Amino acid sequence: MAKKTEDGTSRRDFLKMAATTAPAAAVAIAATGGTAEAAEPDLSSDKMQDTAHTRAYYDSARF
């Protein structure tokens, strides 16, 4: 039962790390307010950009 993968990590180690990291991330988001202004779109770029439209979509897609 104590098998580890070749790189020395296990599922249990991951779950321990996730259990301690998630509350810290929630505190960091709450401390900063969690909101930032969206950037102006760069029309020359073909990558997805952080605009007011994409933020509105992400807000509506949260559960």
PDB file of N, CA and C in Angstrom:
ATOM      1  N   MET A   1       0.801  -1.195   0.000  1.00  0.00           N
ATOM      2  CA  MET A   1       0.000   0.000   0.000  1.00  0.00           C
ATOM      3  C   MET A   1       0.846   1.262   0.000  1.00  0.00           C
ATOM      4  N   ALA A   2       2.077   1.157   0.308  1.00  0.00           N
ATOM      5  CA  ALA A   2       2.923   2.344   0.392  1.00  0.00           C
ATOM      6  C   ALA A   2       3.737   2.535  -0.880  1.00  0.00           C
ATOM      7  N   LYS A   3       3.189   2.163  -2.020  1.00  0.00           N
ATOM      8  CA  LYS A   3       3.914   2.311  -3.276  1.00  0.00           C
ATOM      9  C   LYS A   3       3.981   3.780  -3.668  1.00  0.00           C
ATOM     10  N   LYS A   4       5.114   4.172  -4.165  1.00  0.00           N
ATOM     11  CA  LYS A   4       5.294   5.526  -4.666  1.00  0.00           C
ATOM     12  C   LYS A   4       5.645   5.443  -6.140  1.00  0.00           C
ATOM     13  N   THR A   5       5.351   6.496  -6.855  1.00  0.00           N
ATOM     14  CA  THR A   5       5.698   6.527  -8.267  1.00  0.00           C
ATOM     15  C   THR A   5       7.190   6.765  -8.417  1.00  0.00           C
ATOM     16  N   GLU A   6       7.677   6.695  -9.647  1.00  0.00           N
ATOM     17  CA  GLU A   6       9.104   6.822  -9.882  1.00  0.00           C
ATOM     18  C   GLU A   6       9.681   8.162  -9.455  1.00  0.00           C
ATOM     19  N   ASP A   7       8.897   9.227  -9.536  1.00  0.00           N
ATOM     20  CA  ASP A   7       9.427  10.537  -9.183  1.00  0.00           C
ATOM     21  C   ASP A   7       9.325  10.840  -7.692  1.00  0.00           C
ATOM     22  N   GLY A   8       8.808   9.917  -6.895  1.00  0.00           N
ATOM     23  CA  GLY A   8       8.812  10.071  -5.454  1.00  0.00           C
ATOM     24  C   GLY A   8       7.567  10.719  -4.878  1.00  0.00           C
ATOM     25  N   THR A   9       6.556  10.979  -5.678  1.00  0.00           N
ATOM     26  CA  THR A   9       5.334  11.562  -5.152  1.00  0.00           C
ATOM     27  C   THR A   9       4.214  10.545  -5.213  1.00  0.00           C
ATOM     28  N   SER A  10       3.239  10.738  -4.380  1.00  0.00           N
ATOM     29  CA  SER A  10       2.092   9.834  -4.380  1.00  0.00           C
ATOM     30  C   SER A  10       0.807  10.640  -4.364  1.00  0.00           C
ATOM     31  N   ARG A  11      -0.298   9.957  -4.517  1.00  0.00           N
ATOM     32  CA  ARG A  11      -1.589  10.627  -4.466  1.00  0.00           C
ATOM     33  C   ARG A  11      -1.822  11.251  -3.105  1.00  0.00           C
ATOM     34  N   ARG A  12      -1.404  10.558  -2.083  1.00  0.00           N
ATOM     35  CA  ARG A  12      -1.598  11.061  -0.725  1.00  0.00           C
ATOM     36  C   ARG A  12      -0.824  12.359  -0.514  1.00  0.00           C
ATOM     37  N   ASP A  13       0.404  12.433  -1.041  1.00  0.00           N
ATOM     38  CA  ASP A  13       1.179  13.674  -0.942  1.00  0.00           C
ATOM     39  C   ASP A  13       0.478  14.812  -1.671  1.00  0.00           C
ATOM     40  N   PHE A  14      -0.083  14.510  -2.832  1.00  0.00           N
ATOM     41  CA  PHE A  14      -0.802  15.524  -3.587  1.00  0.00           C
ATOM     42  C   PHE A  14      -2.012  16.023  -2.820  1.00  0.00           C
ATOM     43  N   LEU A  15      -2.767  15.114  -2.215  1.00  0.00           N
ATOM     44  CA  LEU A  15      -3.959  15.517  -1.472  1.00  0.00           C
ATOM     45  C   LEU A  15      -3.597  16.345  -0.246  1.00  0.00           C
ATOM     46  N   LYS A  16      -2.483  16.016   0.403  1.00  0.00           N
ATOM     47  CA  LYS A  16      -2.040  16.822   1.539  1.00  0.00           C
ATOM     48  C   LYS A  16      -1.712  18.239   1.082  1.00  0.00           C
ATOM     49  N   MET A  17      -0.998  18.347  -0.029  1.00  0.00           N
ATOM     50  CA  MET A  17      -0.626  19.658  -0.546  1.00  0.00           C
ATOM     51  C   MET A  17      -1.873  20.435  -0.970  1.00  0.00           C
ATOM     52  N   ALA A  18      -2.810  19.781  -1.637  1.00  0.00           N
ATOM     53  CA  ALA A  18      -4.021  20.451  -2.101  1.00  0.00           C
ATOM     54  C   ALA A  18      -4.863  20.930  -0.928  1.00  0.00           C
ATOM     55  N   ALA A  19      -4.899  20.157   0.130  1.00  0.00           N
ATOM     56  CA  ALA A  19      -5.701  20.532   1.295  1.00  0.00           C
ATOM     57  C   ALA A  19      -5.133  21.760   1.995  1.00  0.00           C
ATOM     58  N   THR A  20      -3.839  21.960   1.930  1.00  0.00           N
ATOM     59  CA  THR A  20      -3.247  23.131   2.583  1.00  0.00           C
ATOM     60  C   THR A  20      -3.178  24.335   1.648  1.00  0.00           C
ATOM     61  N   THR A  21      -3.118  24.095   0.346  1.00  0.00           N
ATOM     62  CA  THR A  21      -2.979  25.187  -0.612  1.00  0.00           C
ATOM     63  C   THR A  21      -4.308  25.869  -0.913  1.00  0.00           C
ATOM     64  N   ALA A  22      -5.385  25.132  -0.988  1.00  0.00           N
ATOM     65  CA  ALA A  22      -6.683  25.700  -1.350  1.00  0.00           C
ATOM     66  C   ALA A  22      -7.143  26.790  -0.383  1.00  0.00           C
ATOM     67  N   PRO A  23      -7.080  26.587   0.938  1.00  0.00           N
ATOM     68  CA  PRO A  23      -7.486  27.679   1.834  1.00  0.00           C
ATOM     69  C   PRO A  23      -6.578  28.908   1.718  1.00  0.00           C
ATOM     70  N   ALA A  24      -5.296  28.685   1.493  1.00  0.00           N
ATOM     71  CA  ALA A  24      -4.381  29.811   1.338  1.00  0.00           C
ATOM     72  C   ALA A  24      -4.718  30.612   0.081  1.00  0.00           C
ATOM     73  N   ALA A  25      -5.085  29.937  -0.980  1.00  0.00           N
ATOM     74  CA  ALA A  25      -5.467  30.634  -2.210  1.00  0.00           C
ATOM     75  C   ALA A  25      -6.765  31.409  -2.012  1.00  0.00           C
ATOM     76  N   ALA A  26      -7.698  30.839  -1.283  1.00  0.00           N
ATOM     77  CA  ALA A  26      -8.961  31.533  -1.025  1.00  0.00           C
ATOM     78  C   ALA A  26      -8.728  32.795  -0.198  1.00  0.00           C
ATOM     79  N   VAL A  27      -7.832  32.720   0.768  1.00  0.00           N
ATOM     80  CA  VAL A  27      -7.513  33.888   1.585  1.00  0.00           C
ATOM     81  C   VAL A  27      -6.842  34.954   0.737  1.00  0.00           C
ATOM     82  N   ALA A  28      -5.950  34.554  -0.156  1.00  0.00           N
ATOM     83  CA  ALA A  28      -5.258  35.520  -1.014  1.00  0.00           C
ATOM     84  C   ALA A  28      -6.234  36.229  -1.945  1.00  0.00           C
ATOM     85  N   ILE A  29      -7.199  35.515  -2.468  1.00  0.00           N
ATOM     86  CA  ILE A  29      -8.198  36.127  -3.350  1.00  0.00           C
ATOM     87  C   ILE A  29      -9.096  37.068  -2.559  1.00  0.00           C
ATOM     88  N   ALA A  30      -9.487  36.655  -1.370  1.00  0.00           N
ATOM     89  CA  ALA A  30     -10.349  37.504  -0.546  1.00  0.00           C
ATOM     90  C   ALA A  30      -9.621  38.768  -0.103  1.00  0.00           C
ATOM     91  N   ALA A  31      -8.334  38.664   0.157  1.00  0.00           N
ATOM     92  CA  ALA A  31      -7.563  39.820   0.616  1.00  0.00           C
ATOM     93  C   ALA A  31      -7.380  40.850  -0.493  1.00  0.00           C
ATOM     94  N   THR A  32      -7.258  40.397  -1.736  1.00  0.00           N
ATOM     95  CA  THR A  32      -7.053  41.330  -2.834  1.00  0.00           C
ATOM     96  C   THR A  32      -8.365  41.849  -3.403  1.00  0.00           C
ATOM     97  N   GLY A  33      -9.460  41.299  -2.987  1.00  0.00           N
ATOM     98  CA  GLY A  33     -10.758  41.745  -3.491  1.00  0.00           C
ATOM     99  C   GLY A  33     -11.235  40.895  -4.655  1.00  0.00           C
ATOM    100  N   GLY A  34     -10.340  40.212  -5.330  1.00  0.00           N
ATOM    101  CA  GLY A  34     -10.719  39.300  -6.402  1.00  0.00           C
ATOM    102  C   GLY A  34     -11.145  39.960  -7.691  1.00  0.00           C
ATOM    103  N   THR A  35     -11.149  41.278  -7.758  1.00  0.00           N
ATOM    104  CA  THR A  35     -11.555  41.935  -8.990  1.00  0.00           C
ATOM    105  C   THR A  35     -10.424  42.804  -9.504  1.00  0.00           C
ATOM    106  N   ALA A  36     -10.285  42.826 -10.765  1.00  0.00           N
ATOM    107  CA  ALA A  36      -9.299  43.680 -11.428  1.00  0.00           C
ATOM    108  C   ALA A  36      -9.921  44.171 -12.724  1.00  0.00           C
ATOM    109  N   GLU A  37      -9.434  45.250 -13.205  1.00  0.00           N
ATOM    110  CA  GLU A  37      -9.964  45.820 -14.447  1.00  0.00           C
ATOM    111  C   GLU A  37      -9.530  44.963 -15.637  1.00  0.00           C
ATOM    112  N   ALA A  38     -10.432  44.784 -16.568  1.00  0.00           N
ATOM    113  CA  ALA A  38     -10.114  44.056 -17.787  1.00  0.00           C
ATOM    114  C   ALA A  38      -9.291  44.953 -18.706  1.00  0.00           C
ATOM    115  N   ALA A  39      -8.417  44.357 -19.471  1.00  0.00           N
ATOM    116  CA  ALA A  39      -7.552  45.100 -20.371  1.00  0.00           C
ATOM    117  C   ALA A  39      -8.293  45.432 -21.667  1.00  0.00           C
ATOM    118  N   GLU A  40      -7.804  46.418 -22.358  1.00  0.00           N
ATOM    119  CA  GLU A  40      -8.332  46.741 -23.683  1.00  0.00           C
ATOM    120  C   GLU A  40      -7.915  45.638 -24.649  1.00  0.00           C
ATOM    121  N   PRO A  41      -8.784  45.202 -25.541  1.00  0.00           N
ATOM    122  CA  PRO A  41      -8.433  44.118 -26.459  1.00  0.00           C
ATOM    123  C   PRO A  41      -7.369  44.542 -27.471  1.00  0.00           C
ATOM    124  N   ASP A  42      -6.443  43.612 -27.732  1.00  0.00           N
ATOM    125  CA  ASP A  42      -5.404  43.817 -28.743  1.00  0.00           C
ATOM    126  C   ASP A  42      -5.898  43.138 -30.021  1.00  0.00           C
ATOM    127  N   LEU A  43      -6.341  43.906 -30.989  1.00  0.00           N
ATOM    128  CA  LEU A  43      -6.951  43.355 -32.191  1.00  0.00           C
ATOM    129  C   LEU A  43      -5.959  42.635 -33.092  1.00  0.00           C
ATOM    130  N   SER A  44      -4.663  42.847 -32.909  1.00  0.00           N
ATOM    131  CA  SER A  44      -3.668  42.180 -33.744  1.00  0.00           C
ATOM    132  C   SER A  44      -3.338  40.775 -33.233  1.00  0.00           C
ATOM    133  N   SER A  45      -3.782  40.430 -32.046  1.00  0.00           N
ATOM    134  CA  SER A  45      -3.492  39.125 -31.459  1.00  0.00           C
ATOM    135  C   SER A  45      -4.607  38.139 -31.789  1.00  0.00           C
ATOM    136  N   ASP A  46      -4.229  36.870 -31.994  1.00  0.00           N
ATOM    137  CA  ASP A  46      -5.230  35.849 -32.252  1.00  0.00           C
ATOM    138  C   ASP A  46      -5.471  34.968 -31.023  1.00  0.00           C
ATOM    139  N   LYS A  47      -4.872  35.323 -29.880  1.00  0.00           N
ATOM    140  CA  LYS A  47      -5.052  34.562 -28.648  1.00  0.00           C
ATOM    141  C   LYS A  47      -6.225  35.119 -27.856  1.00  0.00           C
ATOM    142  N   MET A  48      -6.759  34.297 -26.946  1.00  0.00           N
ATOM    143  CA  MET A  48      -7.848  34.745 -26.092  1.00  0.00           C
ATOM    144  C   MET A  48      -7.334  35.841 -25.164  1.00  0.00           C
ATOM    145  N   GLN A  49      -8.129  36.883 -24.985  1.00  0.00           N
ATOM    146  CA  GLN A  49      -7.693  38.019 -24.195  1.00  0.00           C
ATOM    147  C   GLN A  49      -8.610  38.248 -23.005  1.00  0.00           C
ATOM    148  N   ASP A  50      -8.078  38.925 -22.013  1.00  0.00           N
ATOM    149  CA  ASP A  50      -8.826  39.245 -20.811  1.00  0.00           C
ATOM    150  C   ASP A  50      -9.576  40.554 -21.039  1.00  0.00           C
ATOM    151  N   THR A  51     -10.836  40.423 -21.426  1.00  0.00           N
ATOM    152  CA  THR A  51     -11.663  41.602 -21.684  1.00  0.00           C
ATOM    153  C   THR A  51     -12.893  41.548 -20.783  1.00  0.00           C
ATOM    154  N   ALA A  52     -13.668  42.602 -20.794  1.00  0.00           N
ATOM    155  CA  ALA A  52     -14.898  42.635 -20.001  1.00  0.00           C
ATOM    156  C   ALA A  52     -15.863  41.546 -20.461  1.00  0.00           C
ATOM    157  N   HIS A  53     -15.871  41.256 -21.756  1.00  0.00           N
ATOM    158  CA  HIS A  53     -16.764  40.224 -22.297  1.00  0.00           C
ATOM    159  C   HIS A  53     -16.373  38.846 -21.771  1.00  0.00           C
ATOM    160  N   THR A  54     -15.088  38.504 -21.783  1.00  0.00           N
ATOM    161  CA  THR A  54     -14.663  37.191 -21.288  1.00  0.00           C
ATOM    162  C   THR A  54     -14.871  37.082 -19.779  1.00  0.00           C
ATOM    163  N   ARG A  55     -14.670  38.167 -19.043  1.00  0.00           N
ATOM    164  CA  ARG A  55     -14.912  38.130 -17.594  1.00  0.00           C
ATOM    165  C   ARG A  55     -16.394  37.916 -17.294  1.00  0.00           C
ATOM    166  N   ALA A  56     -17.271  38.529 -18.057  1.00  0.00           N
ATOM    167  CA  ALA A  56     -18.702  38.334 -17.869  1.00  0.00           C
ATOM    168  C   ALA A  56     -19.080  36.876 -18.143  1.00  0.00           C
ATOM    169  N   TYR A  57     -18.461  36.285 -19.143  1.00  0.00           N
ATOM    170  CA  TYR A  57     -18.732  34.867 -19.437  1.00  0.00           C
ATOM    171  C   TYR A  57     -18.269  33.992 -18.285  1.00  0.00           C
ATOM    172  N   TYR A  58     -17.060  34.210 -17.794  1.00  0.00           N
ATOM    173  CA  TYR A  58     -16.534  33.414 -16.696  1.00  0.00           C
ATOM    174  C   TYR A  58     -17.390  33.566 -15.430  1.00  0.00           C
ATOM    175  N   ASP A  59     -17.870  34.775 -15.164  1.00  0.00           N
ATOM    176  CA  ASP A  59     -18.728  34.985 -14.007  1.00  0.00           C
ATOM    177  C   ASP A  59     -20.044  34.240 -14.145  1.00  0.00           C
ATOM    178  N   SER A  60     -20.600  34.197 -15.342  1.00  0.00           N
ATOM    179  CA  SER A  60     -21.866  33.502 -15.543  1.00  0.00           C
ATOM    180  C   SER A  60     -21.693  31.988 -15.570  1.00  0.00           C
ATOM    181  N   ALA A  61     -20.498  31.503 -15.815  1.00  0.00           N
ATOM    182  CA  ALA A  61     -20.260  30.063 -15.891  1.00  0.00           C
ATOM    183  C   ALA A  61     -19.888  29.456 -14.547  1.00  0.00           C
ATOM    184  N   ARG A  62     -19.745  30.244 -13.509  1.00  0.00           N
ATOM    185  CA  ARG A  62     -19.399  29.718 -12.182  1.00  0.00           C
ATOM    186  C   ARG A  62     -20.583  29.005 -11.574  1.00  0.00           C
ATOM    187  N   PHE A  63     -20.265  28.005 -10.773  1.00  0.00           N
ATOM    188  CA  PHE A  63     -21.303  27.227 -10.112  1.00  0.00           C
ATOM    189  C   PHE A  63     -21.392  27.595  -8.662  1.00  0.00           C
TER     190      PHE A  63
END
